[in-house]
Every structure is written in C-alpha cells, then in structure tokens.
C-alpha cells in the first residue's frame, strides 16, 4: 500500500531535524540549533498543523498520456478551486479535481506535495464547478456506494451519478483509447422511505410519489415544468414540491 502523504511529511520533518542536529554538532553552537529547531517546528505547525487531516491520502497516479480526453468533471483538465468536507473538517479554497472514471477526489497541495487522491470513505461531500457532490456510503440504500451530484438536498433527495467510460477502438495502425461521458437517464435517483429509487421519466417520478400524484400533476402544469431537456431542474422541483405537500 502506498505511503500516505502525511507519513511522507513526517519523514521529511524528521530528516530535517536530523540535519539540524548534525549541523549544530559540527558548529558546536547550541543556541543556533535551538533557534533553528523552534523555527522549523513553527513552520511545520503553521503550514501543516491546521490542514493535517487533508494530507491524509494517497499519491495520485496520472493516466497514460496516450489516452484521449480526460476523466474529469465537465471536461476540465485543469485544477479548480473548490471545498471538501474531509474527515469531519471542511476545507475551503482547495485546488482540486474530480476523477469521474475512478470516482476519486483529487487535490493539489502546496510545495509540490500533490496531486493526491483523498480517502473516499473520509469524504462526506465536496463542491466543485457549480456542483455539490455527496457520498453515499452504503449499498443497502439502493445504489452502489460512491459520489453523487446532489440536485436537491431535501427529504426527498435527488442525486445523479455522473459516469465516464474508457473506450478502446481499433484504428488502421493502432488501438486508440479515449474517455467518454456515459449518458444514461437511469443514473437519476430519488430518496423515498430511506431508499434511493431509479427514475428515468416523468411517469416513474409520479408513480414514486403516487400519494400526491394528482397535486403534483397540477403543479407541473401550472408551473410549465418541462421534463425533457430540463430533466434535472424538473426532478428537483417536483421533489421539493412533494416535500412541501407532505411536511
């Protein structure tokens, strides 16, 4: 198993202490050594101490450069500023990416310590490029555990599983590989009775909320909610109205 970055940081810190000790012994100057040690400890605490939790992850290995496209959110192949709730602490202004293909949160840390993939089980959620993602950790809820784009966060939570596939196709001279978004409406889920349910069309949503089907049909008509083309907005709006009707 790869070393966590916090272990590597501590190793570097210990190495610096050894170097400081050796230098002090050579110079036979205890005061210089003590002051250098104090400065080193202060620097470590200032730069690492407050954010130590987010340094607890694994080195991220980039993909083969021959693969076309990229595995990241919204085709963004550059670091974006976001926030992440990690190991019980919220970190703001984090340089990060979301590797959709591997379903991993990647962060770039200062002083060339990144990129690093966070431990998924420690990530409660994160915000990146106008998306709010939550982690569903238990497959007992009706979906495979992983990160989901949260479209509505009320009682009848609506989430979307964004996916990318790695495609291989044979050309005239060689096999080409490329990342491709998976477009599948069956990736939408609504929480009801503590269970996530697949929804793929308006009929399946109304059947899920059948106890308020009449009221919801009127709400959709009165508000001219278009399910085709604006599916995500429609799902969120209908779920929110159902929660209002059943509060």
C-alpha atoms as a PDB file:
ATOM      1  CA  UNK A   1       0.000   0.000   0.000  1.00  0.00           C
ATOM      2  CA  UNK A   2       1.398   3.483  -0.863  1.00  0.00           C
ATOM      3  CA  UNK A   3       2.549   5.720   1.932  1.00  0.00           C
ATOM      4  CA  UNK A   4       0.088   8.396   2.932  1.00  0.00           C
ATOM      5  CA  UNK A   5       1.337  11.902   2.317  1.00  0.00           C
ATOM      6  CA  UNK A   6       1.155  12.758   5.986  1.00  0.00           C
ATOM      7  CA  UNK A   7       3.631   9.923   6.638  1.00  0.00           C
ATOM      8  CA  UNK A   8       5.929  11.336   3.970  1.00  0.00           C
ATOM      9  CA  UNK A   9       5.655  14.792   5.511  1.00  0.00           C
ATOM     10  CA  UNK A  10       6.558  13.486   8.931  1.00  0.00           C
ATOM     11  CA  UNK A  11       9.512  11.602   7.433  1.00  0.00           C
ATOM     12  CA  UNK A  12      10.746  14.822   5.829  1.00  0.00           C
ATOM     13  CA  UNK A  13      10.255  16.644   9.119  1.00  0.00           C
ATOM     14  CA  UNK A  14      12.329  14.043  10.997  1.00  0.00           C
ATOM     15  CA  UNK A  15      15.036  14.201   8.322  1.00  0.00           C
ATOM     16  CA  UNK A  16      15.247  17.970   8.701  1.00  0.00           C
ATOM     17  CA  UNK A  17      15.596  17.584  12.462  1.00  0.00           C
ATOM     18  CA  UNK A  18      18.469  15.144  11.967  1.00  0.00           C
ATOM     19  CA  UNK A  19      20.183  17.571   9.589  1.00  0.00           C
ATOM     20  CA  UNK A  20      19.712  20.406  12.062  1.00  0.00           C
ATOM     21  CA  UNK A  21      21.177  18.295  14.865  1.00  0.00           C
ATOM     22  CA  UNK A  22      24.186  17.295  12.800  1.00  0.00           C
ATOM     23  CA  UNK A  23      24.801  20.902  11.765  1.00  0.00           C
ATOM     24  CA  UNK A  24      24.582  22.099  15.330  1.00  0.00           C
ATOM     25  CA  UNK A  25      27.033  19.470  16.496  1.00  0.00           C
ATOM     26  CA  UNK A  26      29.502  20.465  13.803  1.00  0.00           C
ATOM     27  CA  UNK A  27      29.228  24.117  14.714  1.00  0.00           C
ATOM     28  CA  UNK A  28      29.071  23.394  18.434  1.00  0.00           C
ATOM     29  CA  UNK A  29      26.529  26.192  18.743  1.00  0.00           C
ATOM     30  CA  UNK A  30      23.530  25.127  20.819  1.00  0.00           C
ATOM     31  CA  UNK A  31      21.741  28.477  20.558  1.00  0.00           C
ATOM     32  CA  UNK A  32      21.766  28.372  16.757  1.00  0.00           C
ATOM     33  CA  UNK A  33      20.448  24.821  16.844  1.00  0.00           C
ATOM     34  CA  UNK A  34      17.691  25.643  19.327  1.00  0.00           C
ATOM     35  CA  UNK A  35      16.514  28.659  17.357  1.00  0.00           C
ATOM     36  CA  UNK A  36      16.614  26.691  14.129  1.00  0.00           C
ATOM     37  CA  UNK A  37      14.591  23.913  15.730  1.00  0.00           C
ATOM     38  CA  UNK A  38      11.995  26.378  17.030  1.00  0.00           C
ATOM     39  CA  UNK A  39      11.662  27.968  13.587  1.00  0.00           C
ATOM     40  CA  UNK A  40      11.316  24.566  11.962  1.00  0.00           C
ATOM     41  CA  UNK A  41       8.610  23.429  14.387  1.00  0.00           C
ATOM     42  CA  UNK A  42       6.716  26.698  13.974  1.00  0.00           C
ATOM     43  CA  UNK A  43       6.867  26.434  10.205  1.00  0.00           C
ATOM     44  CA  UNK A  44       5.619  22.837  10.307  1.00  0.00           C
ATOM     45  CA  UNK A  45       2.733  23.745  12.615  1.00  0.00           C
ATOM     46  CA  UNK A  46       1.749  26.807  10.597  1.00  0.00           C
ATOM     47  CA  UNK A  47       1.834  25.098   7.225  1.00  0.00           C
ATOM     48  CA  UNK A  48       0.777  21.578   8.115  1.00  0.00           C
ATOM     49  CA  UNK A  49      -0.847  21.513  11.538  1.00  0.00           C
ATOM     50  CA  UNK A  50      -4.184  23.110  10.717  1.00  0.00           C
ATOM     51  CA  UNK A  51      -4.610  21.148   7.487  1.00  0.00           C
ATOM     52  CA  UNK A  52      -3.073  17.881   8.632  1.00  0.00           C
ATOM     53  CA  UNK A  53      -6.249  15.902   8.001  1.00  0.00           C
ATOM     54  CA  UNK A  54      -6.369  16.724   4.310  1.00  0.00           C
ATOM     55  CA  UNK A  55      -2.801  15.477   3.913  1.00  0.00           C
ATOM     56  CA  UNK A  56      -4.035  12.005   4.787  1.00  0.00           C
ATOM     57  CA  UNK A  57      -4.445  10.411   1.348  1.00  0.00           C
ATOM     58  CA  UNK A  58      -2.549   8.569  -1.345  1.00  0.00           C
ATOM     59  CA  UNK A  59      -0.374   9.644  -4.238  1.00  0.00           C
ATOM     60  CA  UNK A  60      -2.486  10.020  -7.383  1.00  0.00           C
ATOM     61  CA  UNK A  61      -1.115   8.336 -10.492  1.00  0.00           C
ATOM     62  CA  UNK A  62      -1.928  10.074 -13.765  1.00  0.00           C
ATOM     63  CA  UNK A  63      -3.270   8.131 -16.728  1.00  0.00           C
ATOM     64  CA  UNK A  64      -1.330   7.150 -19.826  1.00  0.00           C
ATOM     65  CA  UNK A  65      -0.718  10.296 -21.882  1.00  0.00           C
ATOM     66  CA  UNK A  66      -1.825   8.398 -24.970  1.00  0.00           C
ATOM     67  CA  UNK A  67      -5.438   8.293 -23.791  1.00  0.00           C
ATOM     68  CA  UNK A  68      -7.530  10.971 -25.469  1.00  0.00           C
ATOM     69  CA  UNK A  69      -9.799  13.249 -23.480  1.00  0.00           C
ATOM     70  CA  UNK A  70      -9.784  13.257 -19.706  1.00  0.00           C
ATOM     71  CA  UNK A  71     -11.616  11.572 -16.825  1.00  0.00           C
ATOM     72  CA  UNK A  72     -12.532  14.779 -15.001  1.00  0.00           C
ATOM     73  CA  UNK A  73     -15.726  16.679 -14.246  1.00  0.00           C
ATOM     74  CA  UNK A  74     -17.109  18.854 -17.060  1.00  0.00           C
ATOM     75  CA  UNK A  75     -14.099  18.033 -19.260  1.00  0.00           C
ATOM     76  CA  UNK A  76     -11.992  20.378 -17.120  1.00  0.00           C
ATOM     77  CA  UNK A  77      -8.407  19.199 -17.382  1.00  0.00           C
ATOM     78  CA  UNK A  78      -7.133  21.883 -15.017  1.00  0.00           C
ATOM     79  CA  UNK A  79      -7.194  22.447 -11.289  1.00  0.00           C
ATOM     80  CA  UNK A  80     -10.310  24.178  -9.986  1.00  0.00           C
ATOM     81  CA  UNK A  81     -10.922  25.835  -6.634  1.00  0.00           C
ATOM     82  CA  UNK A  82     -13.457  24.028  -4.503  1.00  0.00           C
ATOM     83  CA  UNK A  83     -14.223  22.883  -0.983  1.00  0.00           C
ATOM     84  CA  UNK A  84     -14.326  19.457   0.597  1.00  0.00           C
ATOM     85  CA  UNK A  85     -15.710  18.027   3.831  1.00  0.00           C
ATOM     86  CA  UNK A  86     -12.943  15.607   4.752  1.00  0.00           C
ATOM     87  CA  UNK A  87     -12.596  13.546   7.908  1.00  0.00           C
ATOM     88  CA  UNK A  88     -15.020  15.774   9.792  1.00  0.00           C
ATOM     89  CA  UNK A  89     -13.481  19.094   8.745  1.00  0.00           C
ATOM     90  CA  UNK A  90     -14.437  21.466   5.921  1.00  0.00           C
ATOM     91  CA  UNK A  91     -11.556  22.769   3.802  1.00  0.00           C
ATOM     92  CA  UNK A  92     -12.227  25.837   1.651  1.00  0.00           C
ATOM     93  CA  UNK A  93     -10.274  27.135  -1.338  1.00  0.00           C
ATOM     94  CA  UNK A  94      -8.839  23.735  -2.208  1.00  0.00           C
ATOM     95  CA  UNK A  95      -7.209  23.196  -5.611  1.00  0.00           C
ATOM     96  CA  UNK A  96      -8.926  20.018  -6.741  1.00  0.00           C
ATOM     97  CA  UNK A  97     -10.380  17.816  -9.480  1.00  0.00           C
ATOM     98  CA  UNK A  98     -12.977  15.064  -9.559  1.00  0.00           C
ATOM     99  CA  UNK A  99     -11.860  11.959 -11.428  1.00  0.00           C
ATOM    100  CA  UNK A 100     -15.241  10.647 -12.584  1.00  0.00           C
ATOM    101  CA  UNK A 101     -13.876   7.469 -14.152  1.00  0.00           C
ATOM    102  CA  UNK A 102     -12.163   6.344 -10.926  1.00  0.00           C
ATOM    103  CA  UNK A 103     -14.732   8.100  -8.699  1.00  0.00           C
ATOM    104  CA  UNK A 104     -11.975   9.801  -6.727  1.00  0.00           C
ATOM    105  CA  UNK A 105     -11.439  13.308  -5.351  1.00  0.00           C
ATOM    106  CA  UNK A 106      -8.007  14.658  -6.261  1.00  0.00           C
ATOM    107  CA  UNK A 107      -6.348  17.605  -4.532  1.00  0.00           C
ATOM    108  CA  UNK A 108      -3.217  19.550  -5.393  1.00  0.00           C
ATOM    109  CA  UNK A 109      -1.318  20.633  -2.312  1.00  0.00           C
ATOM    110  CA  UNK A 110       1.252  23.329  -1.820  1.00  0.00           C
ATOM    111  CA  UNK A 111       5.002  22.820  -2.112  1.00  0.00           C
ATOM    112  CA  UNK A 112       4.677  20.090  -4.747  1.00  0.00           C
ATOM    113  CA  UNK A 113       3.085  17.631  -2.334  1.00  0.00           C
ATOM    114  CA  UNK A 114       0.285  16.714  -4.773  1.00  0.00           C
ATOM    115  CA  UNK A 115      -1.555  15.520  -6.640  1.00  0.00           C
ATOM    116  CA  UNK A 116      -3.128  13.318  -4.042  1.00  0.00           C
ATOM    117  CA  UNK A 117      -6.299  11.248  -4.011  1.00  0.00           C
ATOM    118  CA  UNK A 118      -8.310  11.584  -0.841  1.00  0.00           C
ATOM    119  CA  UNK A 119      -9.573   8.541   1.020  1.00  0.00           C
ATOM    120  CA  UNK A 120     -13.117   8.277  -0.337  1.00  0.00           C
ATOM    121  CA  UNK A 121     -14.654   6.933   2.867  1.00  0.00           C
ATOM    122  CA  UNK A 122     -13.464  10.061   4.671  1.00  0.00           C
ATOM    123  CA  UNK A 123     -15.091  12.439   2.155  1.00  0.00           C
ATOM    124  CA  UNK A 124     -18.628  13.416   3.194  1.00  0.00           C
ATOM    125  CA  UNK A 125     -19.116  15.769   0.256  1.00  0.00           C
ATOM    126  CA  UNK A 126     -17.483  18.423  -1.874  1.00  0.00           C
ATOM    127  CA  UNK A 127     -18.314  21.449  -4.012  1.00  0.00           C
ATOM    128  CA  UNK A 128     -16.675  21.897  -7.408  1.00  0.00           C
ATOM    129  CA  UNK A 129     -17.534  23.863 -10.554  1.00  0.00           C
ATOM    130  CA  UNK A 130     -21.159  24.644  -9.632  1.00  0.00           C
ATOM    131  CA  UNK A 131     -21.845  21.084  -8.457  1.00  0.00           C
ATOM    132  CA  UNK A 132     -22.426  19.807  -4.943  1.00  0.00           C
ATOM    133  CA  UNK A 133     -21.453  16.159  -4.520  1.00  0.00           C
ATOM    134  CA  UNK A 134     -22.359  13.891  -1.626  1.00  0.00           C
ATOM    135  CA  UNK A 135     -21.008  10.464  -0.808  1.00  0.00           C
ATOM    136  CA  UNK A 136     -23.467   7.629  -0.438  1.00  0.00           C
ATOM    137  CA  UNK A 137     -21.509   5.069   1.524  1.00  0.00           C
ATOM    138  CA  UNK A 138     -23.943   2.181   1.885  1.00  0.00           C
ATOM    139  CA  UNK A 139     -25.135  -0.024  -0.957  1.00  0.00           C
ATOM    140  CA  UNK A 140     -28.067  -1.010   1.291  1.00  0.00           C
ATOM    141  CA  UNK A 141     -29.756   2.251   0.235  1.00  0.00           C
ATOM    142  CA  UNK A 142     -30.355   1.008  -3.293  1.00  0.00           C
ATOM    143  CA  UNK A 143     -27.349   2.437  -5.117  1.00  0.00           C
ATOM    144  CA  UNK A 144     -23.713   1.479  -5.386  1.00  0.00           C
ATOM    145  CA  UNK A 145     -21.593   3.482  -2.951  1.00  0.00           C
ATOM    146  CA  UNK A 146     -19.813   6.477  -4.445  1.00  0.00           C
ATOM    147  CA  UNK A 147     -20.061  10.205  -5.149  1.00  0.00           C
ATOM    148  CA  UNK A 148     -23.320  11.619  -6.493  1.00  0.00           C
ATOM    149  CA  UNK A 149     -24.187  15.052  -7.841  1.00  0.00           C
ATOM    150  CA  UNK A 150     -26.878  16.343  -5.477  1.00  0.00           C
ATOM    151  CA  UNK A 151     -29.627  18.125  -7.400  1.00  0.00           C
ATOM    152  CA  UNK A 152     -31.920  18.612  -4.408  1.00  0.00           C
ATOM    153  CA  UNK A 153     -30.965  18.179  -0.772  1.00  0.00           C
ATOM    154  CA  UNK A 154     -34.335  17.995   0.956  1.00  0.00           C
ATOM    155  CA  UNK A 155     -36.073  14.982   2.481  1.00  0.00           C
ATOM    156  CA  UNK A 156     -36.753  13.525  -0.983  1.00  0.00           C
ATOM    157  CA  UNK A 157     -33.138  13.978  -2.012  1.00  0.00           C
ATOM    158  CA  UNK A 158     -32.409  13.859  -5.750  1.00  0.00           C
ATOM    159  CA  UNK A 159     -28.980  12.707  -6.921  1.00  0.00           C
ATOM    160  CA  UNK A 160     -27.329  11.955 -10.227  1.00  0.00           C
ATOM    161  CA  UNK A 161     -24.467   9.548 -10.812  1.00  0.00           C
ATOM    162  CA  UNK A 162     -22.144  11.080 -13.401  1.00  0.00           C
ATOM    163  CA  UNK A 163     -20.056   8.495 -15.201  1.00  0.00           C
ATOM    164  CA  UNK A 164     -17.276   8.254 -17.774  1.00  0.00           C
ATOM    165  CA  UNK A 165     -16.092   5.173 -19.607  1.00  0.00           C
ATOM    166  CA  UNK A 166     -12.691   4.324 -21.040  1.00  0.00           C
ATOM    167  CA  UNK A 167     -13.330   3.241 -24.642  1.00  0.00           C
ATOM    168  CA  UNK A 168     -10.916   1.306 -26.824  1.00  0.00           C
ATOM    169  CA  UNK A 169     -11.304   1.290 -30.600  1.00  0.00           C
ATOM    170  CA  UNK A 170      -9.070  -0.269 -33.229  1.00  0.00           C
ATOM    171  CA  UNK A 171      -7.734   2.105 -35.887  1.00  0.00           C
ATOM    172  CA  UNK A 172      -5.744   1.416 -39.016  1.00  0.00           C
ATOM    173  CA  UNK A 173      -2.413   1.361 -37.225  1.00  0.00           C
ATOM    174  CA  UNK A 174      -3.144   1.017 -33.513  1.00  0.00           C
ATOM    175  CA  UNK A 175      -5.785   0.796 -30.823  1.00  0.00           C
ATOM    176  CA  UNK A 176      -6.986   4.168 -29.635  1.00  0.00           C
ATOM    177  CA  UNK A 177      -8.316   4.776 -26.144  1.00  0.00           C
ATOM    178  CA  UNK A 178     -10.408   7.700 -25.005  1.00  0.00           C
ATOM    179  CA  UNK A 179     -12.621   8.808 -22.142  1.00  0.00           C
ATOM    180  CA  UNK A 180     -16.283   9.252 -22.980  1.00  0.00           C
ATOM    181  CA  UNK A 181     -19.152  10.539 -20.798  1.00  0.00           C
ATOM    182  CA  UNK A 182     -21.885   7.986 -20.182  1.00  0.00           C
ATOM    183  CA  UNK A 183     -25.280   9.481 -20.986  1.00  0.00           C
ATOM    184  CA  UNK A 184     -27.863   7.401 -19.183  1.00  0.00           C
ATOM    185  CA  UNK A 185     -31.040   8.808 -17.665  1.00  0.00           C
ATOM    186  CA  UNK A 186     -31.245   5.774 -15.379  1.00  0.00           C
ATOM    187  CA  UNK A 187     -28.459   7.397 -13.354  1.00  0.00           C
ATOM    188  CA  UNK A 188     -31.003   9.636 -11.554  1.00  0.00           C
ATOM    189  CA  UNK A 189     -32.236   8.608  -8.114  1.00  0.00           C
ATOM    190  CA  UNK A 190     -34.763   9.974  -5.630  1.00  0.00           C
ATOM    191  CA  UNK A 191     -34.752   9.173  -1.930  1.00  0.00           C
ATOM    192  CA  UNK A 192     -38.063   7.950  -0.518  1.00  0.00           C
ATOM    193  CA  UNK A 193     -38.647   5.909   2.618  1.00  0.00           C
ATOM    194  CA  UNK A 194     -34.879   5.867   3.278  1.00  0.00           C
ATOM    195  CA  UNK A 195     -34.182   4.189  -0.040  1.00  0.00           C
ATOM    196  CA  UNK A 196     -32.939   5.508  -3.398  1.00  0.00           C
ATOM    197  CA  UNK A 197     -35.193   4.762  -6.363  1.00  0.00           C
ATOM    198  CA  UNK A 198     -34.255   4.879 -10.044  1.00  0.00           C
ATOM    199  CA  UNK A 199     -36.252   7.414 -12.032  1.00  0.00           C
ATOM    200  CA  UNK A 200     -35.916   7.786 -15.777  1.00  0.00           C
ATOM    201  CA  UNK A 201     -39.060   9.610 -16.899  1.00  0.00           C
ATOM    202  CA  UNK A 202     -41.884  11.708 -15.515  1.00  0.00           C
ATOM    203  CA  UNK A 203     -44.149   8.698 -15.126  1.00  0.00           C
ATOM    204  CA  UNK A 204     -41.712   6.927 -12.821  1.00  0.00           C
ATOM    205  CA  UNK A 205     -41.433  10.049 -10.656  1.00  0.00           C
ATOM    206  CA  UNK A 206     -45.215  10.387 -10.332  1.00  0.00           C
ATOM    207  CA  UNK A 207     -45.535   6.685  -9.531  1.00  0.00           C
ATOM    208  CA  UNK A 208     -42.931   7.072  -6.796  1.00  0.00           C
ATOM    209  CA  UNK A 209     -44.930   9.964  -5.335  1.00  0.00           C
ATOM    210  CA  UNK A 210     -48.288   8.379  -6.070  1.00  0.00           C
ATOM    211  CA  UNK A 211     -49.829   9.527  -2.775  1.00  0.00           C
ATOM    212  CA  UNK A 212     -49.622  13.110  -4.144  1.00  0.00           C
ATOM    213  CA  UNK A 213     -49.820  12.304  -7.845  1.00  0.00           C
ATOM    214  CA  UNK A 214     -52.877  14.471  -8.525  1.00  0.00           C
ATOM    215  CA  UNK A 215     -51.414  17.516  -6.791  1.00  0.00           C
ATOM    216  CA  UNK A 216     -48.044  17.083  -8.488  1.00  0.00           C
ATOM    217  CA  UNK A 217     -49.587  16.841 -11.957  1.00  0.00           C
ATOM    218  CA  UNK A 218     -51.380  20.132 -11.310  1.00  0.00           C
ATOM    219  CA  UNK A 219     -48.159  21.700 -10.003  1.00  0.00           C
ATOM    220  CA  UNK A 220     -46.266  20.599 -13.123  1.00  0.00           C
ATOM    221  CA  UNK A 221     -48.944  22.021 -15.406  1.00  0.00           C
ATOM    222  CA  UNK A 222     -49.371  25.296 -13.513  1.00  0.00           C
ATOM    223  CA  UNK A 223     -45.594  25.911 -13.456  1.00  0.00           C
ATOM    224  CA  UNK A 224     -44.966  24.671 -17.001  1.00  0.00           C
ATOM    225  CA  UNK A 225     -42.241  22.337 -15.816  1.00  0.00           C
ATOM    226  CA  UNK A 226     -40.549  20.764 -18.815  1.00  0.00           C
ATOM    227  CA  UNK A 227     -39.137  17.348 -18.070  1.00  0.00           C
ATOM    228  CA  UNK A 228     -37.416  16.862 -21.417  1.00  0.00           C
ATOM    229  CA  UNK A 229     -34.256  18.916 -21.787  1.00  0.00           C
ATOM    230  CA  UNK A 230     -34.540  20.310 -18.259  1.00  0.00           C
ATOM    231  CA  UNK A 231     -34.709  16.969 -16.509  1.00  0.00           C
ATOM    232  CA  UNK A 232     -32.505  17.913 -13.567  1.00  0.00           C
ATOM    233  CA  UNK A 233     -34.493  21.069 -12.817  1.00  0.00           C
ATOM    234  CA  UNK A 234     -37.753  19.149 -13.184  1.00  0.00           C
ATOM    235  CA  UNK A 235     -36.673  16.389 -10.806  1.00  0.00           C
ATOM    236  CA  UNK A 236     -35.540  18.863  -8.172  1.00  0.00           C
ATOM    237  CA  UNK A 237     -38.695  20.987  -8.468  1.00  0.00           C
ATOM    238  CA  UNK A 238     -41.076  18.019  -8.233  1.00  0.00           C
ATOM    239  CA  UNK A 239     -39.247  16.515  -5.262  1.00  0.00           C
ATOM    240  CA  UNK A 240     -39.259  19.857  -3.451  1.00  0.00           C
ATOM    241  CA  UNK A 241     -43.000  20.266  -4.084  1.00  0.00           C
ATOM    242  CA  UNK A 242     -43.656  16.750  -2.797  1.00  0.00           C
ATOM    243  CA  UNK A 243     -41.754  17.568   0.389  1.00  0.00           C
ATOM    244  CA  UNK A 244     -43.834  20.729   0.769  1.00  0.00           C
ATOM    245  CA  UNK A 245     -47.062  18.783   0.323  1.00  0.00           C
ATOM    246  CA  UNK A 246     -46.089  16.124   2.848  1.00  0.00           C
ATOM    247  CA  UNK A 247     -44.352  18.179   5.511  1.00  0.00           C
END
